[in-house]
C-alpha atoms as a PDB file:
ATOM      1  CA  MET A   1     -25.329 131.349   5.700  1.00  0.00           C
ATOM      2  CA  THR A   2     -22.090 133.259   5.201  1.00  0.00           C
ATOM      3  CA  ASP A   3     -18.833 131.615   4.165  1.00  0.00           C
ATOM      4  CA  ASP A   4     -17.357 132.269   7.601  1.00  0.00           C
ATOM      5  CA  ALA A   5     -20.371 130.679   9.269  1.00  0.00           C
ATOM      6  CA  LEU A   6     -20.051 127.632   7.024  1.00  0.00           C
ATOM      7  CA  LEU A   7     -16.371 127.275   7.883  1.00  0.00           C
ATOM      8  CA  ALA A   8     -17.243 127.496  11.567  1.00  0.00           C
ATOM      9  CA  VAL A   9     -19.726 124.638  11.138  1.00  0.00           C
ATOM     10  CA  LEU A  10     -17.121 122.545   9.335  1.00  0.00           C
ATOM     11  CA  ALA A  11     -14.586 123.256  12.073  1.00  0.00           C
ATOM     12  CA  GLN A  12     -17.128 122.153  14.673  1.00  0.00           C
ATOM     13  CA  ALA A  13     -17.765 118.927  12.758  1.00  0.00           C
ATOM     14  CA  VAL A  14     -14.026 118.264  12.501  1.00  0.00           C
ATOM     15  CA  GLY A  15     -13.680 118.848  16.237  1.00  0.00           C
ATOM     16  CA  GLU A  16     -16.509 116.446  17.056  1.00  0.00           C
ATOM     17  CA  VAL A  17     -14.887 113.784  14.882  1.00  0.00           C
ATOM     18  CA  ARG A  18     -11.594 114.316  16.693  1.00  0.00           C
ATOM     19  CA  SER A  19     -13.296 113.872  20.053  1.00  0.00           C
ATOM     20  CA  ALA A  20     -15.114 110.744  18.890  1.00  0.00           C
ATOM     21  CA  LEU A  21     -11.895 109.201  17.589  1.00  0.00           C
ATOM     22  CA  ALA A  22     -10.062 110.047  20.808  1.00  0.00           C
ATOM     23  CA  ASP A  23     -12.551 107.866  22.702  1.00  0.00           C
ATOM     24  CA  LEU A  24     -12.281 104.959  20.248  1.00  0.00           C
ATOM     25  CA  SER A  25     -10.481 101.870  21.558  1.00  0.00           C
ATOM     26  CA  ASP A  26     -10.936  99.547  18.560  1.00  0.00           C
ATOM     27  CA  TRP A  27      -9.991 100.982  15.162  1.00  0.00           C
ATOM     28  CA  GLY A  28     -10.512  97.730  13.288  1.00  0.00           C
ATOM     29  CA  LEU A  29     -13.055  96.640  10.698  1.00  0.00           C
ATOM     30  CA  ALA A  30     -16.673  97.100  11.716  1.00  0.00           C
ATOM     31  CA  ASP A  31     -17.993  93.849  10.150  1.00  0.00           C
ATOM     32  CA  THR A  32     -20.673  95.871   8.385  1.00  0.00           C
ATOM     33  CA  ARG A  33     -19.777  96.318   4.724  1.00  0.00           C
ATOM     34  CA  PRO A  34     -16.407  95.533   3.134  1.00  0.00           C
ATOM     35  CA  GLY A  35     -13.721  98.070   4.008  1.00  0.00           C
ATOM     36  CA  GLN A  36     -15.763  99.932   6.643  1.00  0.00           C
ATOM     37  CA  TYR A  37     -13.971 100.561   9.916  1.00  0.00           C
ATOM     38  CA  ARG A  38     -15.266 101.383  13.362  1.00  0.00           C
ATOM     39  CA  SER A  39     -13.555 104.747  13.030  1.00  0.00           C
ATOM     40  CA  ASP A  40     -15.681 105.450   9.934  1.00  0.00           C
ATOM     41  CA  LEU A  41     -18.897 104.831  11.836  1.00  0.00           C
ATOM     42  CA  VAL A  42     -18.186 106.878  14.952  1.00  0.00           C
ATOM     43  CA  ALA A  43     -16.728 109.729  12.902  1.00  0.00           C
ATOM     44  CA  ASP A  44     -19.715 109.730  10.572  1.00  0.00           C
ATOM     45  CA  ALA A  45     -22.222 109.929  13.422  1.00  0.00           C
ATOM     46  CA  ALA A  46     -20.320 112.817  15.013  1.00  0.00           C
ATOM     47  CA  ALA A  47     -19.952 114.858  11.818  1.00  0.00           C
ATOM     48  CA  VAL A  48     -23.422 114.269  10.419  1.00  0.00           C
ATOM     49  CA  ALA A  49     -25.069 115.414  13.644  1.00  0.00           C
ATOM     50  CA  VAL A  50     -23.265 118.778  13.493  1.00  0.00           C
ATOM     51  CA  LEU A  51     -23.879 119.343   9.793  1.00  0.00           C
ATOM     52  CA  VAL A  52     -27.565 118.439   9.895  1.00  0.00           C
ATOM     53  CA  ASP A  53     -28.188 120.540  13.013  1.00  0.00           C
ATOM     54  CA  ALA A  54     -26.645 123.512  11.184  1.00  0.00           C
ATOM     55  CA  GLY A  55     -29.226 123.189   8.413  1.00  0.00           C
ATOM     56  CA  LEU A  56     -27.093 121.447   5.799  1.00  0.00           C
ATOM     57  CA  GLY A  57     -27.933 118.398   3.785  1.00  0.00           C
ATOM     58  CA  VAL A  58     -25.282 115.689   3.831  1.00  0.00           C
ATOM     59  CA  VAL A  59     -23.924 113.193   1.327  1.00  0.00           C
ATOM     60  CA  SER A  60     -21.712 110.832   3.305  1.00  0.00           C
ATOM     61  CA  GLU A  61     -19.553 107.923   2.213  1.00  0.00           C
ATOM     62  CA  GLU A  62     -20.676 105.996   5.255  1.00  0.00           C
ATOM     63  CA  SER A  63     -24.378 106.780   5.570  1.00  0.00           C
ATOM     64  CA  GLY A  64     -25.533 108.212   2.242  1.00  0.00           C
ATOM     65  CA  PHE A  65     -28.018 111.071   1.916  1.00  0.00           C
ATOM     66  CA  HIS A  66     -29.406 113.172   4.776  1.00  0.00           C
ATOM     67  CA  PHE A  67     -31.930 115.904   3.849  1.00  0.00           C
ATOM     68  CA  PRO A  68     -31.108 115.903   0.119  1.00  0.00           C
ATOM     69  CA  ASP A  69     -33.648 118.693  -0.499  1.00  0.00           C
ATOM     70  CA  ARG A  70     -31.655 121.301   1.448  1.00  0.00           C
ATOM     71  CA  GLU A  71     -30.056 124.135  -0.495  1.00  0.00           C
ATOM     72  CA  LEU A  72     -26.520 123.481   0.755  1.00  0.00           C
ATOM     73  CA  GLN A  73     -25.143 119.934   0.672  1.00  0.00           C
ATOM     74  CA  ALA A  74     -22.066 118.871   2.654  1.00  0.00           C
ATOM     75  CA  VAL A  75     -20.214 116.055   0.904  1.00  0.00           C
ATOM     76  CA  LEU A  76     -18.482 114.167   3.704  1.00  0.00           C
ATOM     77  CA  ASP A  77     -15.731 111.624   4.105  1.00  0.00           C
ATOM     78  CA  PRO A  78     -15.551 111.237   7.900  1.00  0.00           C
ATOM     79  CA  VAL A  79     -12.205 109.395   7.779  1.00  0.00           C
ATOM     80  CA  ASP A  80     -10.399 109.630   4.462  1.00  0.00           C
ATOM     81  CA  GLY A  81      -7.607 107.064   4.849  1.00  0.00           C
ATOM     82  CA  SER A  82      -9.319 104.833   7.411  1.00  0.00           C
ATOM     83  CA  THR A  83      -6.977 101.933   6.613  1.00  0.00           C
ATOM     84  CA  ASN A  84      -4.065 104.216   7.498  1.00  0.00           C
ATOM     85  CA  ALA A  85      -5.868 105.165  10.696  1.00  0.00           C
ATOM     86  CA  SER A  86      -6.387 101.533  11.658  1.00  0.00           C
ATOM     87  CA  HIS A  87      -2.643 100.930  11.293  1.00  0.00           C
ATOM     88  CA  GLY A  88      -1.628 104.051  13.190  1.00  0.00           C
ATOM     89  CA  LEU A  89      -0.272 105.802  10.093  1.00  0.00           C
ATOM     90  CA  PRO A  90      -0.682 109.583  10.563  1.00  0.00           C
ATOM     91  CA  TRP A  91      -2.179 110.294   7.136  1.00  0.00           C
ATOM     92  CA  PHE A  92      -5.954 110.324   7.540  1.00  0.00           C
ATOM     93  CA  ALA A  93      -8.419 113.181   7.491  1.00  0.00           C
ATOM     94  CA  THR A  94     -11.952 114.416   7.762  1.00  0.00           C
ATOM     95  CA  SER A  95     -12.895 115.969   4.416  1.00  0.00           C
ATOM     96  CA  ILE A  96     -16.001 118.126   3.942  1.00  0.00           C
ATOM     97  CA  ALA A  97     -17.010 120.118   0.861  1.00  0.00           C
ATOM     98  CA  VAL A  98     -20.180 122.228   0.877  1.00  0.00           C
ATOM     99  CA  MET A  99     -21.870 122.508  -2.509  1.00  0.00           C
ATOM    100  CA  ASP A 100     -24.431 124.958  -3.800  1.00  0.00           C
ATOM    101  CA  GLU A 101     -26.002 125.285  -7.231  1.00  0.00           C
ATOM    102  CA  ALA A 102     -22.790 126.860  -8.587  1.00  0.00           C
ATOM    103  CA  GLY A 103     -20.456 124.091  -7.396  1.00  0.00           C
ATOM    104  CA  ILE A 104     -18.159 123.761  -4.400  1.00  0.00           C
ATOM    105  CA  ARG A 105     -18.501 126.772  -2.123  1.00  0.00           C
ATOM    106  CA  VAL A 106     -16.278 125.972   0.882  1.00  0.00           C
ATOM    107  CA  ALA A 107     -14.098 123.038   1.870  1.00  0.00           C
ATOM    108  CA  MET A 108     -12.098 121.761   4.822  1.00  0.00           C
ATOM    109  CA  VAL A 109      -9.653 118.858   4.966  1.00  0.00           C
ATOM    110  CA  ALA A 110      -8.282 118.252   8.450  1.00  0.00           C
ATOM    111  CA  ASN A 111      -5.576 115.698   9.174  1.00  0.00           C
ATOM    112  CA  GLN A 112      -6.877 114.108  12.365  1.00  0.00           C
ATOM    113  CA  ALA A 113      -3.450 112.744  13.294  1.00  0.00           C
ATOM    114  CA  THR A 114      -1.417 115.959  12.967  1.00  0.00           C
ATOM    115  CA  TYR A 115      -4.128 118.627  13.474  1.00  0.00           C
ATOM    116  CA  GLU A 116      -3.199 120.297  10.189  1.00  0.00           C
ATOM    117  CA  CYS A 117      -6.260 121.936   8.674  1.00  0.00           C
ATOM    118  CA  PHE A 118      -6.620 122.993   5.048  1.00  0.00           C
ATOM    119  CA  GLN A 119      -9.569 125.186   4.152  1.00  0.00           C
ATOM    120  CA  ALA A 120     -10.776 127.039   1.086  1.00  0.00           C
ATOM    121  CA  VAL A 121     -13.549 129.406   0.028  1.00  0.00           C
ATOM    122  CA  ARG A 122     -14.533 129.686  -3.619  1.00  0.00           C
ATOM    123  CA  GLY A 123     -12.885 132.768  -5.083  1.00  0.00           C
ATOM    124  CA  ALA A 124     -11.160 133.697  -1.826  1.00  0.00           C
ATOM    125  CA  GLY A 125      -8.087 131.464  -1.675  1.00  0.00           C
ATOM    126  CA  THR A 126      -6.950 128.631   0.545  1.00  0.00           C
ATOM    127  CA  THR A 127      -4.907 128.208   3.710  1.00  0.00           C
ATOM    128  CA  LEU A 128      -3.156 125.646   5.882  1.00  0.00           C
ATOM    129  CA  ASN A 129      -3.616 126.418   9.564  1.00  0.00           C
ATOM    130  CA  GLY A 130      -4.542 129.970   8.608  1.00  0.00           C
ATOM    131  CA  ARG A 131      -1.587 130.661   6.311  1.00  0.00           C
ATOM    132  CA  PRO A 132      -1.788 130.933   2.505  1.00  0.00           C
ATOM    133  CA  ILE A 133      -0.335 128.047   0.529  1.00  0.00           C
ATOM    134  CA  ALA A 134       1.016 127.619  -2.984  1.00  0.00           C
ATOM    135  CA  PRO A 135       2.207 124.755  -5.193  1.00  0.00           C
ATOM    136  CA  THR A 136       5.752 124.207  -6.453  1.00  0.00           C
ATOM    137  CA  PRO A 137       6.923 125.655  -9.791  1.00  0.00           C
ATOM    138  CA  CYS A 138       7.861 122.175 -11.084  1.00  0.00           C
ATOM    139  CA  GLU A 139       7.435 121.740 -14.843  1.00  0.00           C
ATOM    140  CA  SER A 140       9.439 118.551 -15.450  1.00  0.00           C
ATOM    141  CA  LEU A 141       7.936 115.135 -14.828  1.00  0.00           C
ATOM    142  CA  SER A 142      11.424 113.641 -14.610  1.00  0.00           C
ATOM    143  CA  GLN A 143      12.099 115.866 -11.590  1.00  0.00           C
ATOM    144  CA  ALA A 144       8.668 115.646  -9.995  1.00  0.00           C
ATOM    145  CA  VAL A 145       7.687 113.976  -6.746  1.00  0.00           C
ATOM    146  CA  VAL A 146       4.324 112.469  -7.636  1.00  0.00           C
ATOM    147  CA  GLY A 147       1.678 111.052  -5.338  1.00  0.00           C
ATOM    148  CA  MET A 148      -0.455 108.228  -6.617  1.00  0.00           C
ATOM    149  CA  SER A 149      -3.347 105.968  -5.764  1.00  0.00           C
ATOM    150  CA  GLY A 150      -2.971 102.380  -6.912  1.00  0.00           C
ATOM    151  CA  TRP A 151       0.008 101.116  -8.862  1.00  0.00           C
ATOM    152  CA  PRO A 152       0.711 101.640 -12.577  1.00  0.00           C
ATOM    153  CA  ARG A 153       1.913  98.779 -14.728  1.00  0.00           C
ATOM    154  CA  ARG A 154       5.182 100.544 -15.437  1.00  0.00           C
ATOM    155  CA  HIS A 155       7.275 103.561 -14.577  1.00  0.00           C
ATOM    156  CA  LEU A 156       5.739 106.677 -16.150  1.00  0.00           C
ATOM    157  CA  GLY A 157       8.753 108.963 -16.008  1.00  0.00           C
ATOM    158  CA  TRP A 158       8.394 110.629 -12.606  1.00  0.00           C
ATOM    159  CA  GLY A 159      11.426 111.553 -10.522  1.00  0.00           C
ATOM    160  CA  GLN A 160      10.063 109.972  -7.336  1.00  0.00           C
ATOM    161  CA  PHE A 161       6.669 108.723  -6.171  1.00  0.00           C
ATOM    162  CA  ARG A 162       4.712 108.356  -2.951  1.00  0.00           C
ATOM    163  CA  ALA A 163       1.539 106.350  -2.298  1.00  0.00           C
ATOM    164  CA  TYR A 164       0.107 107.581   0.994  1.00  0.00           C
ATOM    165  CA  GLY A 165      -3.462 106.332   0.746  1.00  0.00           C
ATOM    166  CA  ALA A 166      -5.748 109.309   1.424  1.00  0.00           C
ATOM    167  CA  VAL A 167      -6.914 111.164  -1.681  1.00  0.00           C
ATOM    168  CA  ALA A 168      -8.086 114.388  -0.039  1.00  0.00           C
ATOM    169  CA  LEU A 169      -4.779 114.823   1.775  1.00  0.00           C
ATOM    170  CA  ASP A 170      -2.829 113.795  -1.320  1.00  0.00           C
ATOM    171  CA  LEU A 171      -4.485 116.591  -3.294  1.00  0.00           C
ATOM    172  CA  CYS A 172      -3.808 119.038  -0.484  1.00  0.00           C
ATOM    173  CA  ALA A 173      -0.158 117.967  -0.616  1.00  0.00           C
ATOM    174  CA  VAL A 174      -0.022 119.199  -4.228  1.00  0.00           C
ATOM    175  CA  ALA A 175      -1.742 122.449  -3.258  1.00  0.00           C
ATOM    176  CA  CYS A 176       0.839 123.234  -0.572  1.00  0.00           C
ATOM    177  CA  GLY A 177       3.940 122.075  -2.452  1.00  0.00           C
ATOM    178  CA  ARG A 178       4.665 118.756  -0.764  1.00  0.00           C
ATOM    179  CA  PHE A 179       3.921 116.867  -3.977  1.00  0.00           C
ATOM    180  CA  ASP A 180       4.464 118.226  -7.472  1.00  0.00           C
ATOM    181  CA  GLY A 181       1.604 116.142  -8.861  1.00  0.00           C
ATOM    182  CA  TYR A 182      -0.864 113.370  -8.195  1.00  0.00           C
ATOM    183  CA  PHE A 183      -2.626 110.765 -10.306  1.00  0.00           C
ATOM    184  CA  ASP A 184      -5.003 107.852  -9.919  1.00  0.00           C
ATOM    185  CA  ALA A 185      -3.375 104.743 -11.383  1.00  0.00           C
ATOM    186  CA  GLY A 186      -6.559 102.658 -11.203  1.00  0.00           C
ATOM    187  CA  SER A 187      -9.444 102.614 -13.633  1.00  0.00           C
ATOM    188  CA  ALA A 188     -12.290 102.522 -11.099  1.00  0.00           C
ATOM    189  CA  GLY A 189     -11.746 106.097  -9.963  1.00  0.00           C
ATOM    190  CA  HIS A 190     -12.751 107.833  -6.736  1.00  0.00           C
ATOM    191  CA  ALA A 191     -16.058 109.036  -5.341  1.00  0.00           C
ATOM    192  CA  PRO A 192     -16.924 112.709  -4.753  1.00  0.00           C
ATOM    193  CA  TRP A 193     -16.437 112.497  -0.982  1.00  0.00           C
ATOM    194  CA  ASP A 194     -12.883 111.278  -1.610  1.00  0.00           C
ATOM    195  CA  TYR A 195     -11.762 114.312  -3.580  1.00  0.00           C
ATOM    196  CA  LEU A 196     -14.153 117.296  -3.476  1.00  0.00           C
ATOM    197  CA  GLY A 197     -12.571 118.880  -0.409  1.00  0.00           C
ATOM    198  CA  GLY A 198      -9.087 118.553  -1.866  1.00  0.00           C
ATOM    199  CA  LEU A 199     -10.350 119.719  -5.245  1.00  0.00           C
ATOM    200  CA  LEU A 200     -11.433 123.176  -4.056  1.00  0.00           C
ATOM    201  CA  ILE A 201      -8.239 123.557  -2.041  1.00  0.00           C
ATOM    202  CA  CYS A 202      -6.210 122.777  -5.170  1.00  0.00           C
ATOM    203  CA  GLN A 203      -8.281 125.085  -7.350  1.00  0.00           C
ATOM    204  CA  GLU A 204      -7.949 127.995  -4.939  1.00  0.00           C
ATOM    205  CA  ALA A 205      -4.178 127.380  -4.771  1.00  0.00           C
ATOM    206  CA  GLY A 206      -3.979 127.528  -8.580  1.00  0.00           C
ATOM    207  CA  VAL A 207      -3.416 123.793  -9.075  1.00  0.00           C
ATOM    208  CA  PRO A 208      -5.026 122.242 -12.168  1.00  0.00           C
ATOM    209  CA  VAL A 209      -7.079 119.113 -11.444  1.00  0.00           C
ATOM    210  CA  VAL A 210      -8.875 117.103 -14.133  1.00  0.00           C
ATOM    211  CA  ASP A 211     -10.680 113.843 -14.692  1.00  0.00           C
ATOM    212  CA  LEU A 212      -8.872 111.606 -17.161  1.00  0.00           C
ATOM    213  CA  ASN A 213     -12.064 111.307 -19.217  1.00  0.00           C
ATOM    214  CA  GLY A 214     -12.731 115.059 -19.145  1.00  0.00           C
ATOM    215  CA  ARG A 215     -15.827 114.706 -16.989  1.00  0.00           C
ATOM    216  CA  ASN A 216     -17.107 117.338 -14.574  1.00  0.00           C
ATOM    217  CA  LEU A 217     -15.511 116.914 -11.155  1.00  0.00           C
ATOM    218  CA  ALA A 218     -18.085 118.949  -9.194  1.00  0.00           C
ATOM    219  CA  THR A 219     -20.578 116.133  -8.757  1.00  0.00           C
ATOM    220  CA  ALA A 220     -22.092 114.563  -5.659  1.00  0.00           C
ATOM    221  CA  GLY A 221     -23.747 111.422  -7.017  1.00  0.00           C
ATOM    222  CA  LEU A 222     -23.427 108.328  -4.852  1.00  0.00           C
ATOM    223  CA  HIS A 223     -22.276 106.252  -7.816  1.00  0.00           C
ATOM    224  CA  ASP A 224     -20.157 108.872  -9.623  1.00  0.00           C
ATOM    225  CA  ARG A 225     -16.475 108.053  -9.962  1.00  0.00           C
ATOM    226  CA  ARG A 226     -13.633 110.116 -11.408  1.00  0.00           C
ATOM    227  CA  VAL A 227     -10.035 109.275 -12.355  1.00  0.00           C
ATOM    228  CA  LEU A 228      -8.029 112.204 -11.019  1.00  0.00           C
ATOM    229  CA  VAL A 229      -4.873 113.900 -12.239  1.00  0.00           C
ATOM    230  CA  ALA A 230      -3.455 117.000 -10.501  1.00  0.00           C
ATOM    231  CA  ALA A 231      -0.270 118.929 -11.180  1.00  0.00           C
ATOM    232  CA  ALA A 232       1.469 121.991  -9.797  1.00  0.00           C
ATOM    233  CA  THR A 233       1.788 123.662 -13.216  1.00  0.00           C
ATOM    234  CA  PRO A 234       0.032 123.427 -16.589  1.00  0.00           C
ATOM    235  CA  THR A 235       3.209 122.145 -18.245  1.00  0.00           C
ATOM    236  CA  LEU A 236       3.563 119.344 -15.716  1.00  0.00           C
ATOM    237  CA  MET A 237      -0.151 118.600 -16.089  1.00  0.00           C
ATOM    238  CA  GLY A 238       0.303 118.064 -19.820  1.00  0.00           C
ATOM    239  CA  ASP A 239       3.175 115.636 -19.319  1.00  0.00           C
ATOM    240  CA  LEU A 240       1.467 113.788 -16.456  1.00  0.00           C
ATOM    241  CA  LEU A 241      -1.757 113.410 -18.436  1.00  0.00           C
ATOM    242  CA  THR A 242       0.152 112.066 -21.431  1.00  0.00           C
ATOM    243  CA  ALA A 243       1.986 109.602 -19.212  1.00  0.00           C
ATOM    244  CA  ARG A 244      -1.192 108.443 -17.477  1.00  0.00           C
ATOM    245  CA  ARG A 245      -3.050 108.050 -20.770  1.00  0.00           C
ATOM    246  CA  SER A 246      -0.251 105.879 -22.103  1.00  0.00           C
ATOM    247  CA  MET A 247      -1.250 103.125 -19.665  1.00  0.00           C
ATOM    248  CA  ILE A 248      -4.746 102.015 -20.616  1.00  0.00           C
ATOM    249  CA  ASP A 249      -8.041 103.704 -21.341  1.00  0.00           C
ATOM    250  CA  PRO A 250      -9.855 104.537 -18.096  1.00  0.00           C
ATOM    251  CA  ASP A 251     -13.197 103.141 -17.127  1.00  0.00           C
ATOM    252  CA  PRO A 252     -15.758 104.891 -19.382  1.00  0.00           C
ATOM    253  CA  GLY A 253     -18.420 104.942 -16.640  1.00  0.00           C
ATOM    254  CA  ARG A 254     -20.302 108.037 -15.520  1.00  0.00           C
END
């Protein structure tokens, strides 16, 4: 399957999720597992059906593995930021990253509230609604607007901070210059479906992204977790990493 064909499949999946959410009357908790919303379930069913029918395997936050033996695996978060969605906050997205044996091949992160769509192809750049994007030139942490997940025990020297609650979109915000950096203030880390889509978009925009423990980010294990740090420039990355490491040692898990 060509890159363009893959992107077309991802766009179809995003569209089916949008249609499913448009018909949803109750966006509350699903009473299934902790933190799972009705929006997660209907979005998952809509996206998985498209991806599987197109011949992809799927690793989904909501429903696990589908056809894990297929050559291309779509790592899916049907609604990244489902708590935001349940409260009517317009910062939630469908995030899909397709992986092959070399890593992340294509990715799409679509804000389902604003219809903004980020997409990237490995080695071919990244766009927002079809237009190329780029990060800021910020090199000073004291002047940076930094997105974060969780809450650090103390101020780490940033100029300003935002905590919007959707990792894939937060990473995309660094890629397109809305944030200067991003870091995970918690020790538990995030799962691959949370960040892989945003990761490729950052990488193709020239934004460094690392795990605080130096672990490989291009993983799709159900139990893998990573503590993310992203920055618009290498200089800012150095300062943000130093600041984040000054808190506590991260969870040494896989």
